[in-house]
Amino acid sequence: MNLDNRIATKLIPFIAAFCDRTRTPIGKGMLFIIKGFFLGALFFLLIPVITSSTLPFKVLFIVILFMNMVMAISRGPKITPIPDVIYS
């Protein structure tokens, strides 16, 4: 739990800055949000499959780590437009 939070706090600002410079036909951050959603769901669905199989604990740890990293990558673009929408 501690490792994924440390990775997320280092990763989110860089991904959000990269996302702001990326231009796609569907918008700045939508590409990261859509890909992050599907990859996060895929890794999340792999967790019970791995726990019920005979694969070693290392594989489960790596899948959970990748799931957390993908969710951190998709979190940056979701948080970036919040200051533009909420008035202080």
C-alpha atoms as a PDB file:
ATOM      1  CA  MET A   1       0.000   0.000   0.000  1.00  0.00           C
ATOM      2  CA  ASN A   2       2.809   2.378   0.775  1.00  0.00           C
ATOM      3  CA  LEU A   3       4.789   1.590  -2.380  1.00  0.00           C
ATOM      4  CA  ASP A   4       1.959   2.401  -4.778  1.00  0.00           C
ATOM      5  CA  ASN A   5       1.291   5.735  -3.055  1.00  0.00           C
ATOM      6  CA  ARG A   6       4.929   6.699  -3.376  1.00  0.00           C
ATOM      7  CA  ILE A   7       4.938   5.791  -7.051  1.00  0.00           C
ATOM      8  CA  ALA A   8       1.671   7.658  -7.647  1.00  0.00           C
ATOM      9  CA  THR A   9       2.874  10.885  -6.037  1.00  0.00           C
ATOM     10  CA  LYS A  10       5.931  10.868  -8.288  1.00  0.00           C
ATOM     11  CA  LEU A  11       4.137   9.739 -11.449  1.00  0.00           C
ATOM     12  CA  ILE A  12       0.912  11.803 -11.490  1.00  0.00           C
ATOM     13  CA  PRO A  13       2.487  15.272 -12.003  1.00  0.00           C
ATOM     14  CA  PHE A  14       4.603  14.090 -14.937  1.00  0.00           C
ATOM     15  CA  ILE A  15       1.698  12.313 -16.628  1.00  0.00           C
ATOM     16  CA  ALA A  16      -0.594  15.312 -16.103  1.00  0.00           C
ATOM     17  CA  ALA A  17       1.995  17.656 -17.639  1.00  0.00           C
ATOM     18  CA  PHE A  18       2.504  15.302 -20.577  1.00  0.00           C
ATOM     19  CA  CYS A  19      -1.258  14.991 -20.987  1.00  0.00           C
ATOM     20  CA  ASP A  20      -1.645  18.780 -21.174  1.00  0.00           C
ATOM     21  CA  ARG A  21       0.769  18.911 -24.125  1.00  0.00           C
ATOM     22  CA  THR A  22      -0.865  16.013 -25.992  1.00  0.00           C
ATOM     23  CA  ARG A  23      -3.418  16.902 -28.668  1.00  0.00           C
ATOM     24  CA  THR A  24      -5.777  14.205 -29.962  1.00  0.00           C
ATOM     25  CA  PRO A  25      -9.074  14.371 -31.843  1.00  0.00           C
ATOM     26  CA  ILE A  26     -10.959  13.244 -28.735  1.00  0.00           C
ATOM     27  CA  GLY A  27      -9.392  15.846 -26.443  1.00  0.00           C
ATOM     28  CA  LYS A  28      -6.315  16.372 -24.327  1.00  0.00           C
ATOM     29  CA  GLY A  29      -6.824  13.902 -21.517  1.00  0.00           C
ATOM     30  CA  MET A  30      -9.452  11.536 -22.877  1.00  0.00           C
ATOM     31  CA  LEU A  31      -6.892   9.245 -24.473  1.00  0.00           C
ATOM     32  CA  PHE A  32      -5.175   8.688 -21.126  1.00  0.00           C
ATOM     33  CA  ILE A  33      -8.483   8.326 -19.286  1.00  0.00           C
ATOM     34  CA  ILE A  34      -9.896   5.761 -21.735  1.00  0.00           C
ATOM     35  CA  LYS A  35      -6.720   3.681 -21.961  1.00  0.00           C
ATOM     36  CA  GLY A  36      -6.223   3.873 -18.195  1.00  0.00           C
ATOM     37  CA  PHE A  37      -9.797   2.770 -17.586  1.00  0.00           C
ATOM     38  CA  PHE A  38      -9.515  -0.324 -19.767  1.00  0.00           C
ATOM     39  CA  LEU A  39      -6.017  -1.306 -18.641  1.00  0.00           C
ATOM     40  CA  GLY A  40      -6.949  -0.785 -14.989  1.00  0.00           C
ATOM     41  CA  ALA A  41     -10.031  -2.970 -15.443  1.00  0.00           C
ATOM     42  CA  LEU A  42      -7.931  -5.648 -17.148  1.00  0.00           C
ATOM     43  CA  PHE A  43      -5.351  -5.736 -14.357  1.00  0.00           C
ATOM     44  CA  PHE A  44      -8.123  -5.656 -11.748  1.00  0.00           C
ATOM     45  CA  LEU A  45      -9.775  -8.691 -13.361  1.00  0.00           C
ATOM     46  CA  LEU A  46      -6.446 -10.533 -13.407  1.00  0.00           C
ATOM     47  CA  ILE A  47      -6.092 -10.385  -9.615  1.00  0.00           C
ATOM     48  CA  PRO A  48      -8.646 -13.111  -8.750  1.00  0.00           C
ATOM     49  CA  VAL A  49      -7.459 -15.241 -11.666  1.00  0.00           C
ATOM     50  CA  ILE A  50      -3.896 -15.174 -10.366  1.00  0.00           C
ATOM     51  CA  THR A  51      -4.881 -15.797  -6.739  1.00  0.00           C
ATOM     52  CA  SER A  52      -6.869 -18.898  -7.708  1.00  0.00           C
ATOM     53  CA  SER A  53      -4.040 -20.289  -9.861  1.00  0.00           C
ATOM     54  CA  THR A  54      -0.705 -21.785  -8.872  1.00  0.00           C
ATOM     55  CA  LEU A  55       1.328 -18.775 -10.003  1.00  0.00           C
ATOM     56  CA  PRO A  56       3.839 -17.418  -7.496  1.00  0.00           C
ATOM     57  CA  PHE A  57       3.199 -14.394  -5.295  1.00  0.00           C
ATOM     58  CA  LYS A  58       5.626 -12.312  -7.373  1.00  0.00           C
ATOM     59  CA  VAL A  59       3.223 -12.387 -10.324  1.00  0.00           C
ATOM     60  CA  LEU A  60       0.349 -11.173  -8.151  1.00  0.00           C
ATOM     61  CA  PHE A  61       2.537  -8.401  -6.741  1.00  0.00           C
ATOM     62  CA  ILE A  62       3.562  -7.269 -10.241  1.00  0.00           C
ATOM     63  CA  VAL A  63      -0.050  -7.255 -11.490  1.00  0.00           C
ATOM     64  CA  ILE A  64      -1.206  -5.205  -8.485  1.00  0.00           C
ATOM     65  CA  LEU A  65       1.713  -2.818  -8.985  1.00  0.00           C
ATOM     66  CA  PHE A  66       0.849  -2.379 -12.686  1.00  0.00           C
ATOM     67  CA  MET A  67      -2.816  -1.851 -11.830  1.00  0.00           C
ATOM     68  CA  ASN A  68      -1.910   0.893  -9.367  1.00  0.00           C
ATOM     69  CA  MET A  69       0.453   2.532 -11.857  1.00  0.00           C
ATOM     70  CA  VAL A  70      -2.191   2.507 -14.596  1.00  0.00           C
ATOM     71  CA  MET A  71      -4.755   3.986 -12.232  1.00  0.00           C
ATOM     72  CA  ALA A  72      -2.238   6.692 -11.272  1.00  0.00           C
ATOM     73  CA  ILE A  73      -1.617   7.441 -14.950  1.00  0.00           C
ATOM     74  CA  SER A  74      -5.325   7.831 -15.634  1.00  0.00           C
ATOM     75  CA  ARG A  75      -5.852   9.872 -12.452  1.00  0.00           C
ATOM     76  CA  GLY A  76      -3.684  12.808 -13.553  1.00  0.00           C
ATOM     77  CA  PRO A  77      -5.826  13.767 -16.552  1.00  0.00           C
ATOM     78  CA  LYS A  78      -8.991  13.425 -14.467  1.00  0.00           C
ATOM     79  CA  ILE A  79      -7.696  15.825 -11.797  1.00  0.00           C
ATOM     80  CA  THR A  80      -6.143  18.419 -14.133  1.00  0.00           C
ATOM     81  CA  PRO A  81      -9.366  20.239 -15.247  1.00  0.00           C
ATOM     82  CA  ILE A  82     -10.833  20.487 -11.728  1.00  0.00           C
ATOM     83  CA  PRO A  83      -9.383  23.972 -10.965  1.00  0.00           C
ATOM     84  CA  ASP A  84     -10.885  25.255 -14.232  1.00  0.00           C
ATOM     85  CA  VAL A  85     -14.370  24.070 -13.278  1.00  0.00           C
ATOM     86  CA  ILE A  86     -14.501  24.847  -9.540  1.00  0.00           C
ATOM     87  CA  TYR A  87     -14.516  28.509  -8.622  1.00  0.00           C
ATOM     88  CA  SER A  88     -12.906  29.673  -5.418  1.00  0.00           C
END
